[in-house]
Amino acid sequence: MKADLKTVLLRPRITEKATIQSESSVYSFEIPKHATKTDIIKAVKEIYNVTAVKVATVTTPQKKVFVRGKVGYKKGLKKAYVYLKKGQTIEII
């Protein structure tokens, strides 16, 4: 079961919006499509030793793009916004 929890959080999303939200103890991660909110809470507790108060997930669909006369697709993804208790932080390098 522990190996499964380590694969729940694929990578942290380091964007301008994510950096601004991290000041309010909200962190965003890319997650696999099959991950549930309870899996995310357990994984954050195990990996970062912090308590998640709330988790919101967002699924973005794949998008059709047209480049140089050819049709392709942008990869869709699922991300999670993890809300921590006040005063707790995650150190993301």
PDB file of N, CA and C in Angstrom:
ATOM      1  N   MET A   1       0.828  -1.209   0.000  1.00  0.00           N
ATOM      2  CA  MET A   1       0.000   0.000   0.000  1.00  0.00           C
ATOM      3  C   MET A   1       0.867   1.265   0.000  1.00  0.00           C
ATOM      4  N   LYS A   2       2.014   1.225   0.686  1.00  0.00           N
ATOM      5  CA  LYS A   2       2.869   2.404   0.750  1.00  0.00           C
ATOM      6  C   LYS A   2       3.420   2.768  -0.619  1.00  0.00           C
ATOM      7  N   ALA A   3       3.731   1.769  -1.435  1.00  0.00           N
ATOM      8  CA  ALA A   3       4.238   2.063  -2.781  1.00  0.00           C
ATOM      9  C   ALA A   3       3.174   2.773  -3.603  1.00  0.00           C
ATOM     10  N   ASP A   4       1.913   2.414  -3.396  1.00  0.00           N
ATOM     11  CA  ASP A   4       0.826   3.068  -4.121  1.00  0.00           C
ATOM     12  C   ASP A   4       0.709   4.536  -3.724  1.00  0.00           C
ATOM     13  N   LEU A   5       0.866   4.843  -2.443  1.00  0.00           N
ATOM     14  CA  LEU A   5       0.732   6.232  -1.990  1.00  0.00           C
ATOM     15  C   LEU A   5       1.849   7.113  -2.534  1.00  0.00           C
ATOM     16  N   LYS A   6       3.032   6.546  -2.750  1.00  0.00           N
ATOM     17  CA  LYS A   6       4.128   7.343  -3.291  1.00  0.00           C
ATOM     18  C   LYS A   6       3.894   7.693  -4.762  1.00  0.00           C
ATOM     19  N   THR A   7       3.061   6.931  -5.453  1.00  0.00           N
ATOM     20  CA  THR A   7       2.774   7.214  -6.864  1.00  0.00           C
ATOM     21  C   THR A   7       1.538   8.091  -7.041  1.00  0.00           C
ATOM     22  N   VAL A   8       0.867   8.439  -5.956  1.00  0.00           N
ATOM     23  CA  VAL A   8      -0.335   9.280  -6.063  1.00  0.00           C
ATOM     24  C   VAL A   8       0.033  10.708  -6.438  1.00  0.00           C
ATOM     25  N   LEU A   9       1.059  11.261  -5.828  1.00  0.00           N
ATOM     26  CA  LEU A   9       1.505  12.621  -6.144  1.00  0.00           C
ATOM     27  C   LEU A   9       2.611  12.527  -7.192  1.00  0.00           C
ATOM     28  N   LEU A  10       2.287  12.817  -8.446  1.00  0.00           N
ATOM     29  CA  LEU A  10       3.276  12.691  -9.518  1.00  0.00           C
ATOM     30  C   LEU A  10       4.356  13.760  -9.402  1.00  0.00           C
ATOM     31  N   ARG A  11       3.931  15.028  -9.314  1.00  0.00           N
ATOM     32  CA  ARG A  11       4.886  16.138  -9.199  1.00  0.00           C
ATOM     33  C   ARG A  11       4.114  17.368  -8.725  1.00  0.00           C
ATOM     34  N   PRO A  12       4.797  18.271  -8.028  1.00  0.00           N
ATOM     35  CA  PRO A  12       4.138  19.533  -7.676  1.00  0.00           C
ATOM     36  C   PRO A  12       4.029  20.424  -8.904  1.00  0.00           C
ATOM     37  N   ARG A  13       2.959  21.191  -8.986  1.00  0.00           N
ATOM     38  CA  ARG A  13       2.782  22.148 -10.092  1.00  0.00           C
ATOM     39  C   ARG A  13       3.404  23.465  -9.653  1.00  0.00           C
ATOM     40  N   ILE A  14       4.461  23.854 -10.346  1.00  0.00           N
ATOM     41  CA  ILE A  14       5.155  25.096 -10.016  1.00  0.00           C
ATOM     42  C   ILE A  14       4.818  26.100 -11.102  1.00  0.00           C
ATOM     43  N   THR A  15       3.786  26.896 -10.831  1.00  0.00           N
ATOM     44  CA  THR A  15       3.338  27.934 -11.747  1.00  0.00           C
ATOM     45  C   THR A  15       3.194  29.227 -10.950  1.00  0.00           C
ATOM     46  N   GLU A  16       2.891  30.298 -11.657  1.00  0.00           N
ATOM     47  CA  GLU A  16       2.713  31.583 -10.978  1.00  0.00           C
ATOM     48  C   GLU A  16       1.518  31.522 -10.027  1.00  0.00           C
ATOM     49  N   LYS A  17       0.426  30.940 -10.478  1.00  0.00           N
ATOM     50  CA  LYS A  17      -0.768  30.824  -9.644  1.00  0.00           C
ATOM     51  C   LYS A  17      -0.495  29.938  -8.427  1.00  0.00           C
ATOM     52  N   ALA A  18       0.213  28.835  -8.618  1.00  0.00           N
ATOM     53  CA  ALA A  18       0.509  27.925  -7.514  1.00  0.00           C
ATOM     54  C   ALA A  18       1.409  28.589  -6.477  1.00  0.00           C
ATOM     55  N   THR A  19       2.327  29.420  -6.921  1.00  0.00           N
ATOM     56  CA  THR A  19       3.218  30.120  -5.995  1.00  0.00           C
ATOM     57  C   THR A  19       2.451  31.119  -5.144  1.00  0.00           C
ATOM     58  N   ILE A  20       1.526  31.828  -5.760  1.00  0.00           N
ATOM     59  CA  ILE A  20       0.703  32.787  -5.012  1.00  0.00           C
ATOM     60  C   ILE A  20      -0.179  32.062  -4.005  1.00  0.00           C
ATOM     61  N   GLN A  21      -0.759  30.924  -4.411  1.00  0.00           N
ATOM     62  CA  GLN A  21      -1.636  30.170  -3.509  1.00  0.00           C
ATOM     63  C   GLN A  21      -0.866  29.528  -2.364  1.00  0.00           C
ATOM     64  N   SER A  22       0.404  29.201  -2.581  1.00  0.00           N
ATOM     65  CA  SER A  22       1.173  28.549  -1.519  1.00  0.00           C
ATOM     66  C   SER A  22       1.374  29.474  -0.316  1.00  0.00           C
ATOM     67  N   GLU A  23       1.264  30.777  -0.523  1.00  0.00           N
ATOM     68  CA  GLU A  23       1.339  31.711   0.600  1.00  0.00           C
ATOM     69  C   GLU A  23       0.133  31.579   1.518  1.00  0.00           C
ATOM     70  N   SER A  24      -0.971  31.028   0.991  1.00  0.00           N
ATOM     71  CA  SER A  24      -2.188  30.803   1.774  1.00  0.00           C
ATOM     72  C   SER A  24      -2.330  29.347   2.197  1.00  0.00           C
ATOM     73  N   SER A  25      -1.245  28.584   2.201  1.00  0.00           N
ATOM     74  CA  SER A  25      -1.223  27.165   2.564  1.00  0.00           C
ATOM     75  C   SER A  25      -2.065  26.300   1.639  1.00  0.00           C
ATOM     76  N   VAL A  26      -2.065  26.629   0.344  1.00  0.00           N
ATOM     77  CA  VAL A  26      -2.736  25.811  -0.672  1.00  0.00           C
ATOM     78  C   VAL A  26      -1.671  25.403  -1.681  1.00  0.00           C
ATOM     79  N   TYR A  27      -1.495  24.093  -1.862  1.00  0.00           N
ATOM     80  CA  TYR A  27      -0.471  23.574  -2.762  1.00  0.00           C
ATOM     81  C   TYR A  27      -1.138  22.735  -3.843  1.00  0.00           C
ATOM     82  N   SER A  28      -0.582  22.774  -5.052  1.00  0.00           N
ATOM     83  CA  SER A  28      -1.166  22.014  -6.155  1.00  0.00           C
ATOM     84  C   SER A  28      -0.185  20.958  -6.639  1.00  0.00           C
ATOM     85  N   PHE A  29      -0.733  19.799  -6.982  1.00  0.00           N
ATOM     86  CA  PHE A  29       0.043  18.657  -7.447  1.00  0.00           C
ATOM     87  C   PHE A  29      -0.622  18.057  -8.670  1.00  0.00           C
ATOM     88  N   GLU A  30       0.187  17.484  -9.570  1.00  0.00           N
ATOM     89  CA  GLU A  30      -0.349  16.671 -10.650  1.00  0.00           C
ATOM     90  C   GLU A  30      -0.530  15.269 -10.093  1.00  0.00           C
ATOM     91  N   ILE A  31      -1.659  14.655 -10.424  1.00  0.00           N
ATOM     92  CA  ILE A  31      -1.986  13.334  -9.897  1.00  0.00           C
ATOM     93  C   ILE A  31      -2.464  12.441 -11.035  1.00  0.00           C
ATOM     94  N   PRO A  32      -2.410  11.114 -10.863  1.00  0.00           N
ATOM     95  CA  PRO A  32      -2.947  10.232 -11.902  1.00  0.00           C
ATOM     96  C   PRO A  32      -4.471  10.300 -11.956  1.00  0.00           C
ATOM     97  N   LYS A  33      -5.047   9.883 -13.073  1.00  0.00           N
ATOM     98  CA  LYS A  33      -6.497   9.977 -13.281  1.00  0.00           C
ATOM     99  C   LYS A  33      -7.289   9.153 -12.267  1.00  0.00           C
ATOM    100  N   HIS A  34      -6.719   8.075 -11.765  1.00  0.00           N
ATOM    101  CA  HIS A  34      -7.449   7.176 -10.867  1.00  0.00           C
ATOM    102  C   HIS A  34      -7.362   7.567  -9.397  1.00  0.00           C
ATOM    103  N   ALA A  35      -6.606   8.595  -9.047  1.00  0.00           N
ATOM    104  CA  ALA A  35      -6.388   8.981  -7.647  1.00  0.00           C
ATOM    105  C   ALA A  35      -7.661   9.582  -7.049  1.00  0.00           C
ATOM    106  N   THR A  36      -7.936   9.231  -5.793  1.00  0.00           N
ATOM    107  CA  THR A  36      -9.097   9.764  -5.085  1.00  0.00           C
ATOM    108  C   THR A  36      -8.629  10.775  -4.035  1.00  0.00           C
ATOM    109  N   LYS A  37      -9.575  11.506  -3.477  1.00  0.00           N
ATOM    110  CA  LYS A  37      -9.233  12.520  -2.488  1.00  0.00           C
ATOM    111  C   LYS A  37      -8.646  11.900  -1.224  1.00  0.00           C
ATOM    112  N   THR A  38      -9.172  10.753  -0.792  1.00  0.00           N
ATOM    113  CA  THR A  38      -8.622  10.099   0.401  1.00  0.00           C
ATOM    114  C   THR A  38      -7.207   9.604   0.156  1.00  0.00           C
ATOM    115  N   ASP A  39      -6.919   9.117  -1.060  1.00  0.00           N
ATOM    116  CA  ASP A  39      -5.548   8.714  -1.402  1.00  0.00           C
ATOM    117  C   ASP A  39      -4.607   9.909  -1.318  1.00  0.00           C
ATOM    118  N   ILE A  40      -5.060  11.060  -1.805  1.00  0.00           N
ATOM    119  CA  ILE A  40      -4.225  12.265  -1.806  1.00  0.00           C
ATOM    120  C   ILE A  40      -3.937  12.715  -0.377  1.00  0.00           C
ATOM    121  N   ILE A  41      -4.939  12.694   0.483  1.00  0.00           N
ATOM    122  CA  ILE A  41      -4.754  13.091   1.880  1.00  0.00           C
ATOM    123  C   ILE A  41      -3.743  12.176   2.565  1.00  0.00           C
ATOM    124  N   LYS A  42      -3.865  10.868   2.338  1.00  0.00           N
ATOM    125  CA  LYS A  42      -2.928   9.916   2.945  1.00  0.00           C
ATOM    126  C   LYS A  42      -1.512  10.105   2.410  1.00  0.00           C
ATOM    127  N   ALA A  43      -1.385  10.359   1.100  1.00  0.00           N
ATOM    128  CA  ALA A  43      -0.065  10.526   0.498  1.00  0.00           C
ATOM    129  C   ALA A  43       0.627  11.787   1.013  1.00  0.00           C
ATOM    130  N   VAL A  44      -0.115  12.888   1.145  1.00  0.00           N
ATOM    131  CA  VAL A  44       0.468  14.138   1.660  1.00  0.00           C
ATOM    132  C   VAL A  44       0.919  13.947   3.098  1.00  0.00           C
ATOM    133  N   LYS A  45       0.121  13.233   3.897  1.00  0.00           N
ATOM    134  CA  LYS A  45       0.488  12.977   5.291  1.00  0.00           C
ATOM    135  C   LYS A  45       1.755  12.125   5.375  1.00  0.00           C
ATOM    136  N   GLU A  46       1.847  11.096   4.519  1.00  0.00           N
ATOM    137  CA  GLU A  46       3.000  10.199   4.567  1.00  0.00           C
ATOM    138  C   GLU A  46       4.271  10.863   4.041  1.00  0.00           C
ATOM    139  N   ILE A  47       4.177  11.568   2.911  1.00  0.00           N
ATOM    140  CA  ILE A  47       5.371  12.109   2.262  1.00  0.00           C
ATOM    141  C   ILE A  47       5.865  13.386   2.936  1.00  0.00           C
ATOM    142  N   TYR A  48       4.942  14.317   3.244  1.00  0.00           N
ATOM    143  CA  TYR A  48       5.344  15.633   3.745  1.00  0.00           C
ATOM    144  C   TYR A  48       5.107  15.835   5.245  1.00  0.00           C
ATOM    145  N   ASN A  49       4.467  14.876   5.923  1.00  0.00           N
ATOM    146  CA  ASN A  49       4.184  14.953   7.365  1.00  0.00           C
ATOM    147  C   ASN A  49       3.401  16.211   7.734  1.00  0.00           C
ATOM    148  N   VAL A  50       2.381  16.539   6.943  1.00  0.00           N
ATOM    149  CA  VAL A  50       1.478  17.648   7.240  1.00  0.00           C
ATOM    150  C   VAL A  50       0.041  17.142   7.130  1.00  0.00           C
ATOM    151  N   THR A  51      -0.884  17.874   7.744  1.00  0.00           N
ATOM    152  CA  THR A  51      -2.280  17.475   7.746  1.00  0.00           C
ATOM    153  C   THR A  51      -3.061  18.285   6.727  1.00  0.00           C
ATOM    154  N   ALA A  52      -3.709  17.598   5.805  1.00  0.00           N
ATOM    155  CA  ALA A  52      -4.536  18.256   4.796  1.00  0.00           C
ATOM    156  C   ALA A  52      -5.945  18.426   5.348  1.00  0.00           C
ATOM    157  N   VAL A  53      -6.446  19.655   5.285  1.00  0.00           N
ATOM    158  CA  VAL A  53      -7.796  19.941   5.758  1.00  0.00           C
ATOM    159  C   VAL A  53      -8.813  19.634   4.666  1.00  0.00           C
ATOM    160  N   LYS A  54      -8.477  19.994   3.425  1.00  0.00           N
ATOM    161  CA  LYS A  54      -9.400  19.847   2.309  1.00  0.00           C
ATOM    162  C   LYS A  54      -8.605  19.570   1.047  1.00  0.00           C
ATOM    163  N   VAL A  55      -9.217  18.833   0.119  1.00  0.00           N
ATOM    164  CA  VAL A  55      -8.596  18.562  -1.182  1.00  0.00           C
ATOM    165  C   VAL A  55      -9.637  18.820  -2.258  1.00  0.00           C
ATOM    166  N   ALA A  56      -9.260  19.588  -3.274  1.00  0.00           N
ATOM    167  CA  ALA A  56     -10.117  19.823  -4.435  1.00  0.00           C
ATOM    168  C   ALA A  56      -9.387  19.282  -5.660  1.00  0.00           C
ATOM    169  N   THR A  57     -10.098  18.529  -6.490  1.00  0.00           N
ATOM    170  CA  THR A  57      -9.477  17.976  -7.695  1.00  0.00           C
ATOM    171  C   THR A  57     -10.093  18.615  -8.929  1.00  0.00           C
ATOM    172  N   VAL A  58      -9.259  18.779  -9.961  1.00  0.00           N
ATOM    173  CA  VAL A  58      -9.690  19.373 -11.225  1.00  0.00           C
ATOM    174  C   VAL A  58      -9.162  18.492 -12.349  1.00  0.00           C
ATOM    175  N   THR A  59     -10.037  18.106 -13.268  1.00  0.00           N
ATOM    176  CA  THR A  59      -9.631  17.329 -14.433  1.00  0.00           C
ATOM    177  C   THR A  59      -9.756  18.200 -15.666  1.00  0.00           C
ATOM    178  N   THR A  60      -8.640  18.392 -16.371  1.00  0.00           N
ATOM    179  CA  THR A  60      -8.670  19.162 -17.608  1.00  0.00           C
ATOM    180  C   THR A  60      -8.654  18.173 -18.771  1.00  0.00           C
ATOM    181  N   PRO A  61      -9.575  18.320 -19.721  1.00  0.00           N
ATOM    182  CA  PRO A  61      -9.636  17.374 -20.836  1.00  0.00           C
ATOM    183  C   PRO A  61      -8.519  17.629 -21.837  1.00  0.00           C
ATOM    184  N   GLN A  62      -8.245  16.618 -22.670  1.00  0.00           N
ATOM    185  CA  GLN A  62      -7.264  16.839 -23.721  1.00  0.00           C
ATOM    186  C   GLN A  62      -7.874  17.763 -24.764  1.00  0.00           C
ATOM    187  N   LYS A  63      -7.013  18.574 -25.397  1.00  0.00           N
ATOM    188  CA  LYS A  63      -7.498  19.572 -26.342  1.00  0.00           C
ATOM    189  C   LYS A  63      -6.925  19.311 -27.719  1.00  0.00           C
ATOM    190  N   LYS A  64      -7.730  19.558 -28.720  1.00  0.00           N
ATOM    191  CA  LYS A  64      -7.307  19.389 -30.101  1.00  0.00           C
ATOM    192  C   LYS A  64      -6.556  20.641 -30.540  1.00  0.00           C
ATOM    193  N   VAL A  65      -5.369  20.464 -31.131  1.00  0.00           N
ATOM    194  CA  VAL A  65      -4.569  21.592 -31.608  1.00  0.00           C
ATOM    195  C   VAL A  65      -4.237  21.375 -33.081  1.00  0.00           C
ATOM    196  N   PHE A  66      -3.984  22.478 -33.759  1.00  0.00           N
ATOM    197  CA  PHE A  66      -3.670  22.446 -35.183  1.00  0.00           C
ATOM    198  C   PHE A  66      -2.344  23.166 -35.374  1.00  0.00           C
ATOM    199  N   VAL A  67      -1.275  22.413 -35.689  1.00  0.00           N
ATOM    200  CA  VAL A  67       0.060  22.988 -35.809  1.00  0.00           C
ATOM    201  C   VAL A  67       0.673  22.544 -37.133  1.00  0.00           C
ATOM    202  N   ARG A  68       1.113  23.531 -37.916  1.00  0.00           N
ATOM    203  CA  ARG A  68       1.791  23.272 -39.193  1.00  0.00           C
ATOM    204  C   ARG A  68       0.998  22.343 -40.104  1.00  0.00           C
ATOM    205  N   GLY A  69      -0.300  22.537 -40.147  1.00  0.00           N
ATOM    206  CA  GLY A  69      -1.140  21.766 -41.049  1.00  0.00           C
ATOM    207  C   GLY A  69      -1.499  20.381 -40.553  1.00  0.00           C
ATOM    208  N   LYS A  70      -1.112  20.052 -39.340  1.00  0.00           N
ATOM    209  CA  LYS A  70      -1.416  18.729 -38.801  1.00  0.00           C
ATOM    210  C   LYS A  70      -2.242  18.866 -37.530  1.00  0.00           C
ATOM    211  N   VAL A  71      -3.094  17.897 -37.312  1.00  0.00           N
ATOM    212  CA  VAL A  71      -3.933  17.881 -36.119  1.00  0.00           C
ATOM    213  C   VAL A  71      -3.253  17.028 -35.058  1.00  0.00           C
ATOM    214  N   GLY A  72      -3.225  17.548 -33.857  1.00  0.00           N
ATOM    215  CA  GLY A  72      -2.660  16.809 -32.735  1.00  0.00           C
ATOM    216  C   GLY A  72      -3.494  17.059 -31.501  1.00  0.00           C
ATOM    217  N   TYR A  73      -3.055  16.510 -30.376  1.00  0.00           N
ATOM    218  CA  TYR A  73      -3.788  16.667 -29.132  1.00  0.00           C
ATOM    219  C   TYR A  73      -2.844  17.068 -28.011  1.00  0.00           C
ATOM    220  N   LYS A  74      -3.294  18.038 -27.199  1.00  0.00           N
ATOM    221  CA  LYS A  74      -2.586  18.366 -25.964  1.00  0.00           C
ATOM    222  C   LYS A  74      -3.046  17.370 -24.914  1.00  0.00           C
ATOM    223  N   LYS A  75      -2.124  16.907 -24.119  1.00  0.00           N
ATOM    224  CA  LYS A  75      -2.432  15.917 -23.102  1.00  0.00           C
ATOM    225  C   LYS A  75      -3.291  16.539 -21.993  1.00  0.00           C
ATOM    226  N   GLY A  76      -4.360  15.880 -21.623  1.00  0.00           N
ATOM    227  CA  GLY A  76      -5.162  16.327 -20.489  1.00  0.00           C
ATOM    228  C   GLY A  76      -4.511  15.858 -19.200  1.00  0.00           C
ATOM    229  N   LEU A  77      -4.876  16.465 -18.074  1.00  0.00           N
ATOM    230  CA  LEU A  77      -4.292  16.049 -16.806  1.00  0.00           C
ATOM    231  C   LEU A  77      -5.280  16.254 -15.675  1.00  0.00           C
ATOM    232  N   LYS A  78      -4.933  15.695 -14.535  1.00  0.00           N
ATOM    233  CA  LYS A  78      -5.731  15.866 -13.327  1.00  0.00           C
ATOM    234  C   LYS A  78      -4.815  16.478 -12.281  1.00  0.00           C
ATOM    235  N   LYS A  79      -5.313  17.491 -11.593  1.00  0.00           N
ATOM    236  CA  LYS A  79      -4.508  18.138 -10.556  1.00  0.00           C
ATOM    237  C   LYS A  79      -5.316  18.250  -9.280  1.00  0.00           C
ATOM    238  N   ALA A  80      -4.592  18.359  -8.176  1.00  0.00           N
ATOM    239  CA  ALA A  80      -5.226  18.440  -6.865  1.00  0.00           C
ATOM    240  C   ALA A  80      -4.732  19.676  -6.143  1.00  0.00           C
ATOM    241  N   TYR A  81      -5.664  20.401  -5.551  1.00  0.00           N
ATOM    242  CA  TYR A  81      -5.335  21.525  -4.681  1.00  0.00           C
ATOM    243  C   TYR A  81      -5.475  21.034  -3.248  1.00  0.00           C
ATOM    244  N   VAL A  82      -4.373  21.074  -2.491  1.00  0.00           N
ATOM    245  CA  VAL A  82      -4.344  20.563  -1.121  1.00  0.00           C
ATOM    246  C   VAL A  82      -4.297  21.742  -0.166  1.00  0.00           C
ATOM    247  N   TYR A  83      -5.310  21.848   0.684  1.00  0.00           N
ATOM    248  CA  TYR A  83      -5.399  22.910   1.685  1.00  0.00           C
ATOM    249  C   TYR A  83      -4.856  22.357   3.000  1.00  0.00           C
ATOM    250  N   LEU A  84      -3.857  23.034   3.576  1.00  0.00           N
ATOM    251  CA  LEU A  84      -3.230  22.587   4.821  1.00  0.00           C
ATOM    252  C   LEU A  84      -3.758  23.370   6.007  1.00  0.00           C
ATOM    253  N   LYS A  85      -3.479  22.823   7.216  1.00  0.00           N
ATOM    254  CA  LYS A  85      -3.823  23.547   8.434  1.00  0.00           C
ATOM    255  C   LYS A  85      -3.019  24.835   8.491  1.00  0.00           C
ATOM    256  N   LYS A  86      -3.550  25.838   9.185  1.00  0.00           N
ATOM    257  CA  LYS A  86      -2.852  27.112   9.297  1.00  0.00           C
ATOM    258  C   LYS A  86      -1.505  26.917   9.972  1.00  0.00           C
ATOM    259  N   GLY A  87      -0.490  27.558   9.400  1.00  0.00           N
ATOM    260  CA  GLY A  87       0.843  27.476   9.976  1.00  0.00           C
ATOM    261  C   GLY A  87       1.700  26.355   9.399  1.00  0.00           C
ATOM    262  N   GLN A  88       1.099  25.403   8.698  1.00  0.00           N
ATOM    263  CA  GLN A  88       1.875  24.310   8.113  1.00  0.00           C
ATOM    264  C   GLN A  88       2.291  24.665   6.685  1.00  0.00           C
ATOM    265  N   THR A  89       3.475  24.256   6.304  1.00  0.00           N
ATOM    266  CA  THR A  89       3.969  24.520   4.958  1.00  0.00           C
ATOM    267  C   THR A  89       4.637  23.268   4.403  1.00  0.00           C
ATOM    268  N   ILE A  90       4.761  23.234   3.088  1.00  0.00           N
ATOM    269  CA  ILE A  90       5.490  22.177   2.392  1.00  0.00           C
ATOM    270  C   ILE A  90       6.660  22.839   1.708  1.00  0.00           C
ATOM    271  N   GLU A  91       7.848  22.286   1.880  1.00  0.00           N
ATOM    272  CA  GLU A  91       9.044  22.827   1.240  1.00  0.00           C
ATOM    273  C   GLU A  91       9.212  22.144  -0.105  1.00  0.00           C
ATOM    274  N   ILE A  92       8.915  22.884  -1.185  1.00  0.00           N
ATOM    275  CA  ILE A  92       9.050  22.366  -2.545  1.00  0.00           C
ATOM    276  C   ILE A  92      10.250  23.043  -3.179  1.00  0.00           C
ATOM    277  N   ILE A  93      11.188  22.241  -3.629  1.00  0.00           N
ATOM    278  CA  ILE A  93      12.420  22.787  -4.200  1.00  0.00           C
ATOM    279  C   ILE A  93      12.221  23.100  -5.650  1.00  0.00           C
TER     280      ILE A  93
END
